[in-house]
Protein backbone atom coordinates (compact mmCIF):
# COMPACT_ATOMS: atom_id res chain seq x y z
CA MET A 1 -0.19 -26.39 38.83
CA ASN A 2 -0.70 -23.66 36.24
CA ASP A 3 0.63 -24.49 32.75
CA HIS A 4 0.36 -20.86 31.58
CA THR A 5 3.70 -19.49 32.60
CA PRO A 6 4.72 -16.07 31.22
CA MET A 7 7.08 -17.75 28.75
CA LYS A 8 4.31 -19.97 27.37
CA ARG A 9 2.03 -16.95 26.97
CA LEU A 10 4.77 -15.14 25.08
CA LEU A 11 5.26 -18.11 22.77
CA LEU A 12 1.52 -18.24 22.10
CA LEU A 13 1.53 -14.56 21.04
CA LEU A 14 4.62 -14.86 18.82
CA PRO A 15 2.81 -16.16 15.67
CA ILE A 16 0.22 -13.37 15.93
CA THR A 17 2.97 -10.77 16.32
CA LEU A 18 4.85 -12.12 13.30
CA LEU A 19 1.68 -12.08 11.24
CA LEU A 20 1.00 -8.45 12.14
CA MET A 21 4.58 -7.45 11.35
CA ALA A 22 4.45 -9.05 7.89
CA CYS A 23 2.09 -6.44 6.41
CA PRO A 24 2.37 -2.76 5.65
CA LEU A 25 0.71 -0.33 8.02
CA LYS A 26 -3.09 -0.66 7.75
CA VAL A 27 -5.34 2.22 8.75
CA SER A 28 -9.13 2.50 8.79
CA THR A 29 -9.24 5.62 6.58
CA PRO A 30 -6.77 7.01 4.02
CA ILE A 31 -4.40 9.84 4.94
CA ASP A 32 -6.80 12.26 3.22
CA ASN A 33 -9.34 12.28 0.39
CA GLY A 34 -6.70 12.40 -2.33
CA SER A 35 -4.48 15.47 -2.12
CA ALA A 36 -2.01 14.36 -4.82
CA ALA A 37 -3.04 14.78 -8.45
CA VAL A 38 -2.90 11.54 -10.42
CA PRO A 39 -0.16 11.94 -13.04
CA ALA A 40 -1.11 10.88 -16.58
CA TRP A 41 1.74 8.34 -16.73
CA LEU A 42 0.15 6.34 -13.88
CA ASN A 43 -2.96 5.43 -15.90
CA GLY A 44 -2.61 2.21 -17.87
CA THR A 45 -1.75 -1.46 -17.48
CA TRP A 46 0.95 -2.53 -15.05
CA HIS A 47 2.70 -5.86 -14.37
CA GLN A 48 4.12 -6.65 -10.98
CA ILE A 49 7.75 -7.80 -11.00
CA LYS A 50 8.68 -10.39 -8.41
CA GLU A 51 12.08 -11.85 -7.56
CA SER A 52 11.31 -14.77 -9.87
CA GLY A 53 10.61 -12.40 -12.78
CA MET A 54 7.46 -10.99 -14.37
CA SER A 55 4.35 -11.83 -12.40
CA PRO A 56 1.16 -12.98 -14.13
CA GLU A 57 -0.77 -10.38 -12.09
CA ARG A 58 -1.75 -7.38 -14.16
CA TYR A 59 -3.55 -4.25 -13.05
CA GLN A 60 -5.21 -1.50 -15.02
CA LEU A 61 -5.00 1.81 -13.19
CA VAL A 62 -7.80 4.23 -14.00
CA SER A 63 -8.13 7.76 -12.60
CA PHE A 64 -11.19 9.97 -12.66
CA ALA A 65 -11.19 13.53 -14.00
CA ASP A 66 -13.55 14.69 -11.27
CA SER A 67 -11.64 13.10 -8.36
CA LEU A 68 -8.23 14.42 -7.41
CA GLY A 69 -6.01 11.62 -6.16
CA ILE A 70 -8.44 8.71 -6.61
CA LEU A 71 -7.63 5.64 -8.73
CA HIS A 72 -9.12 2.23 -9.27
CA ALA A 73 -6.70 -0.65 -9.73
CA HIS A 74 -8.64 -3.20 -11.77
CA ILE A 75 -7.30 -6.72 -11.57
CA LEU A 76 -7.14 -8.09 -15.12
CA ASP A 77 -8.04 -11.65 -16.01
CA THR A 78 -5.83 -13.85 -18.20
CA LEU A 79 -7.41 -12.33 -21.34
CA GLY A 80 -6.64 -8.81 -20.16
CA HIS A 81 -10.23 -7.89 -19.30
CA ALA A 82 -11.08 -5.77 -16.30
CA HIS A 83 -14.24 -6.67 -14.43
CA PRO A 84 -16.03 -3.59 -13.04
CA ALA A 85 -16.53 -5.07 -9.57
CA ASN A 86 -13.01 -6.46 -9.27
CA PHE A 87 -10.84 -3.49 -8.26
CA GLN A 88 -8.97 -1.94 -5.37
CA ARG A 89 -9.47 1.72 -4.50
CA MET A 90 -6.28 3.78 -4.28
CA VAL A 91 -6.00 7.22 -2.72
CA LEU A 92 -2.89 9.28 -3.48
CA SER A 93 -1.81 11.76 -0.82
CA ALA A 94 0.84 14.47 -1.07
CA VAL A 95 2.96 14.57 2.08
CA GLY A 96 5.63 17.20 1.60
CA ASP A 97 7.37 16.34 -1.67
CA LYS A 98 6.46 12.63 -1.43
CA THR A 99 3.40 10.75 -2.64
CA PHE A 100 1.82 8.08 -0.48
CA ALA A 101 -0.70 5.56 -1.78
CA CYS A 102 -3.39 4.16 0.47
CA ILE A 103 -4.72 0.96 -1.08
CA PHE A 104 -8.03 -0.42 0.14
CA ASP A 105 -8.17 -4.03 1.28
CA ASP A 106 -11.19 -5.74 2.79
CA ALA A 107 -9.56 -9.02 3.75
CA ASP A 108 -9.90 -9.61 7.49
CA ALA A 109 -10.82 -6.06 8.57
CA PRO A 110 -11.49 -3.37 5.94
CA GLY A 111 -8.83 -0.69 5.76
CA TYR A 112 -6.08 0.93 3.72
CA PHE A 113 -2.50 -0.29 3.42
CA VAL A 114 -0.05 2.64 3.31
CA TYR A 115 2.79 2.76 0.76
CA ARG A 116 5.28 5.40 -0.34
CA LEU A 117 5.01 5.64 -4.13
CA GLU A 118 8.13 6.39 -6.14
CA ARG A 119 8.44 6.77 -9.89
CA THR A 120 11.58 5.51 -11.58
CA ASP A 121 10.43 6.69 -14.99
CA ASP A 122 7.18 6.68 -16.99
CA THR A 123 7.28 2.89 -17.20
CA LYS A 124 8.34 1.80 -13.70
CA LEU A 125 7.00 2.49 -10.22
CA THR A 126 7.77 1.14 -6.77
CA LEU A 127 5.48 0.94 -3.77
CA TYR A 128 7.34 0.83 -0.44
CA GLY A 129 5.24 -0.53 2.41
CA VAL A 130 5.19 1.73 5.46
CA ASN A 131 5.64 -0.52 8.45
CA ASP A 132 6.24 1.09 11.77
CA THR A 133 4.43 0.20 14.96
CA SER A 134 4.90 3.74 16.28
CA ALA A 135 2.84 5.27 13.44
CA PRO A 136 -0.36 6.93 14.66
CA LEU A 137 -3.60 5.59 13.17
CA ASP A 138 -5.47 8.90 13.19
CA PRO A 139 -5.27 10.40 9.64
CA PHE A 140 -4.26 13.90 10.82
CA LEU A 141 -1.56 12.57 13.15
CA LEU A 142 -0.44 10.04 10.54
CA ARG A 143 0.09 12.84 7.99
CA ARG A 144 2.22 14.77 10.50
CA TRP A 145 4.18 11.62 11.36
CA LEU A 146 4.77 10.77 7.67
CA LEU A 147 5.90 14.35 7.03
CA GLN A 148 8.49 13.94 9.77
CA PHE A 149 9.79 10.59 8.41
CA LYS A 150 8.97 10.90 4.67
CA ASP A 151 12.64 10.72 3.60
CA SER A 152 13.62 8.04 6.08
CA ASP A 153 13.86 4.42 5.06
CA SER A 154 13.46 3.50 8.73
CA ILE A 155 9.66 3.45 8.24
CA ILE A 156 9.89 1.23 5.14
CA ASP A 157 9.61 -2.55 5.32
CA PRO A 158 11.94 -3.97 2.62
CA GLY A 159 9.85 -7.16 2.56
CA GLU A 160 6.79 -5.13 1.56
CA THR A 161 8.22 -3.50 -1.56
CA MET A 162 6.38 -3.98 -4.84
CA VAL A 163 7.80 -3.05 -8.24
CA PHE A 164 5.62 -2.60 -11.33
CA VAL A 165 6.41 -2.03 -15.03
CA LYS A 166 4.02 -0.56 -17.55
CA GLU A 167 2.92 -2.41 -20.66
């Protein structure tokens, strides 16, 4: 007798499905090569705020004068030092009147997590994780799709929202 009934197969796939749903959309390449200018207020040191309060994680965001829309997010050590090799690449893309941040991650498979970036003021920013299984993975089609849903919270995963305050 076969122990692999359809229900058992479904139960075996459930943990994988939940794992995939717990992350923002990850694409192999950013939306574009950085079509949104990096505003001056974004450069500097940022603390992540978690539900339990201020997080010990600190990031120094550094833009480059010769690269429109490209930032490095250096992870700072406990003394506040940035190590040159310890950073995440960020690409800012203008989609209509919204800015999306593609943040490189090489855990598991290399790629870019996609977030909608919103500024509260010069000292606070929020990254909203885009999480929609219907999003196309091709950069050109993804841009068109984001343009269509840029103002909709239906593509945002509330569990993948990160809030940062500037030092």
